[in-house]
C-alpha atoms as a PDB file:
ATOM      1  CA  MET A   1      -5.333  -1.782 -11.852  1.00  0.00           C
ATOM      2  CA  THR A   2      -3.870  -5.096 -12.800  1.00  0.00           C
ATOM      3  CA  GLY A   3      -0.615  -6.375 -14.410  1.00  0.00           C
ATOM      4  CA  GLY A   4       2.563  -4.421 -14.765  1.00  0.00           C
ATOM      5  CA  ARG A   5       2.185  -1.725 -12.229  1.00  0.00           C
ATOM      6  CA  SER A   6       5.123   0.434 -11.335  1.00  0.00           C
ATOM      7  CA  ALA A   7       6.087   1.123  -7.799  1.00  0.00           C
ATOM      8  CA  GLU A   8       5.718   4.924  -8.376  1.00  0.00           C
ATOM      9  CA  PRO A   9       2.950   6.662  -6.335  1.00  0.00           C
ATOM     10  CA  GLY A  10      -0.625   6.536  -7.519  1.00  0.00           C
ATOM     11  CA  PRO A  11      -3.330   8.887  -7.260  1.00  0.00           C
ATOM     12  CA  GLU A  12      -3.026  11.552  -4.709  1.00  0.00           C
ATOM     13  CA  GLY A  13       0.720  10.562  -3.957  1.00  0.00           C
ATOM     14  CA  ARG A  14      -0.152   7.355  -2.276  1.00  0.00           C
ATOM     15  CA  ALA A  15       2.060   4.149  -2.813  1.00  0.00           C
ATOM     16  CA  VAL A  16       0.583   1.469  -4.914  1.00  0.00           C
ATOM     17  CA  PRO A  17       0.248  -1.757  -3.040  1.00  0.00           C
ATOM     18  CA  PHE A  18       0.968  -4.878  -5.362  1.00  0.00           C
ATOM     19  CA  TYR A  19      -1.543  -7.146  -3.735  1.00  0.00           C
ATOM     20  CA  CYS A  20      -4.386  -7.214  -1.261  1.00  0.00           C
ATOM     21  CA  PRO A  21      -2.863  -8.047   2.257  1.00  0.00           C
ATOM     22  CA  TYR A  22      -5.840 -10.318   3.229  1.00  0.00           C
ATOM     23  CA  CYS A  23      -6.597 -12.223   0.020  1.00  0.00           C
ATOM     24  CA  GLY A  24      -3.585 -11.680  -2.126  1.00  0.00           C
ATOM     25  CA  ASP A  25      -5.639 -10.518  -5.163  1.00  0.00           C
ATOM     26  CA  GLU A  26      -4.050  -7.881  -7.574  1.00  0.00           C
ATOM     27  CA  GLU A  27      -7.290  -6.103  -8.408  1.00  0.00           C
ATOM     28  CA  LEU A  28      -6.855  -2.892  -6.225  1.00  0.00           C
ATOM     29  CA  THR A  29      -8.731   0.390  -6.834  1.00  0.00           C
ATOM     30  CA  PRO A  30      -8.152   3.697  -4.926  1.00  0.00           C
ATOM     31  CA  GLU A  31     -10.836   4.545  -2.320  1.00  0.00           C
ATOM     32  CA  ALA A  32     -11.810   8.184  -1.312  1.00  0.00           C
ATOM     33  CA  GLU A  33     -12.326   7.503   2.273  1.00  0.00           C
ATOM     34  CA  PRO A  34     -10.490   7.004   4.390  1.00  0.00           C
ATOM     35  CA  VAL A  35      -7.687   8.925   2.727  1.00  0.00           C
ATOM     36  CA  GLY A  36      -4.944   6.879   0.996  1.00  0.00           C
ATOM     37  CA  ALA A  37      -7.173   3.744   1.092  1.00  0.00           C
ATOM     38  CA  TRP A  38      -7.415   0.969  -1.432  1.00  0.00           C
ATOM     39  CA  LYS A  39     -10.295  -1.378  -2.142  1.00  0.00           C
ATOM     40  CA  CYS A  40      -9.658  -5.166  -3.114  1.00  0.00           C
ATOM     41  CA  GLN A  41     -12.222  -6.097  -5.905  1.00  0.00           C
ATOM     42  CA  ALA A  42     -12.023  -9.879  -4.808  1.00  0.00           C
ATOM     43  CA  CYS A  43     -12.707  -9.915  -0.995  1.00  0.00           C
ATOM     44  CA  ARG A  44     -14.128  -6.402  -1.169  1.00  0.00           C
ATOM     45  CA  ARG A  45     -11.971  -5.082   1.825  1.00  0.00           C
ATOM     46  CA  VAL A  46     -10.959  -1.518   2.138  1.00  0.00           C
ATOM     47  CA  PHE A  47      -7.499  -1.087   3.672  1.00  0.00           C
ATOM     48  CA  THR A  48      -4.882   1.421   3.894  1.00  0.00           C
ATOM     49  CA  VAL A  49      -0.963   1.034   4.169  1.00  0.00           C
ATOM     50  CA  ARG A  50       1.207   3.109   6.357  1.00  0.00           C
ATOM     51  CA  LEU A  51       4.663   3.511   7.754  1.00  0.00           C
ATOM     52  CA  ALA A  52       4.935   2.911  11.516  1.00  0.00           C
ATOM     53  CA  GLY A  53       8.581   3.853  11.813  1.00  0.00           C
ATOM     54  CA  LEU A  54      12.200   2.566  11.592  1.00  0.00           C
ATOM     55  CA  ALA A  55      13.551   0.105  13.711  1.00  0.00           C
ATOM     56  CA  LEU A  56      17.050   1.389  14.191  1.00  0.00           C
ATOM     57  CA  THR A  57      19.699  -0.099  16.396  1.00  0.00           C
ATOM     58  CA  GLU A  58      23.140   1.331  17.811  1.00  0.00           C
ATOM     59  CA  GLU A  59      24.728  -0.405  14.762  1.00  0.00           C
ATOM     60  CA  ASP A  60      22.675   1.585  12.490  1.00  0.00           C
ATOM     61  CA  GLU A  61      23.970   4.858  13.814  1.00  0.00           C
ATOM     62  CA  GLU A  62      26.902   6.667  12.199  1.00  0.00           C
ATOM     63  CA  PRO A  63      29.962   7.251  14.117  1.00  0.00           C
END
């Protein structure tokens, strides 16, 4: 997976990261385990990306 990737979900509905968070390389491939994981071909790390939550303040709330 290189070059002009879109921000559309990849295999199994997972979001496609544009680069490795550890080394910055763009050669990423989906991994079966753990679910939703990606493998960096350069540094060989396997990682997942997940949303922790939203940081809402009182200003963000609608009246």
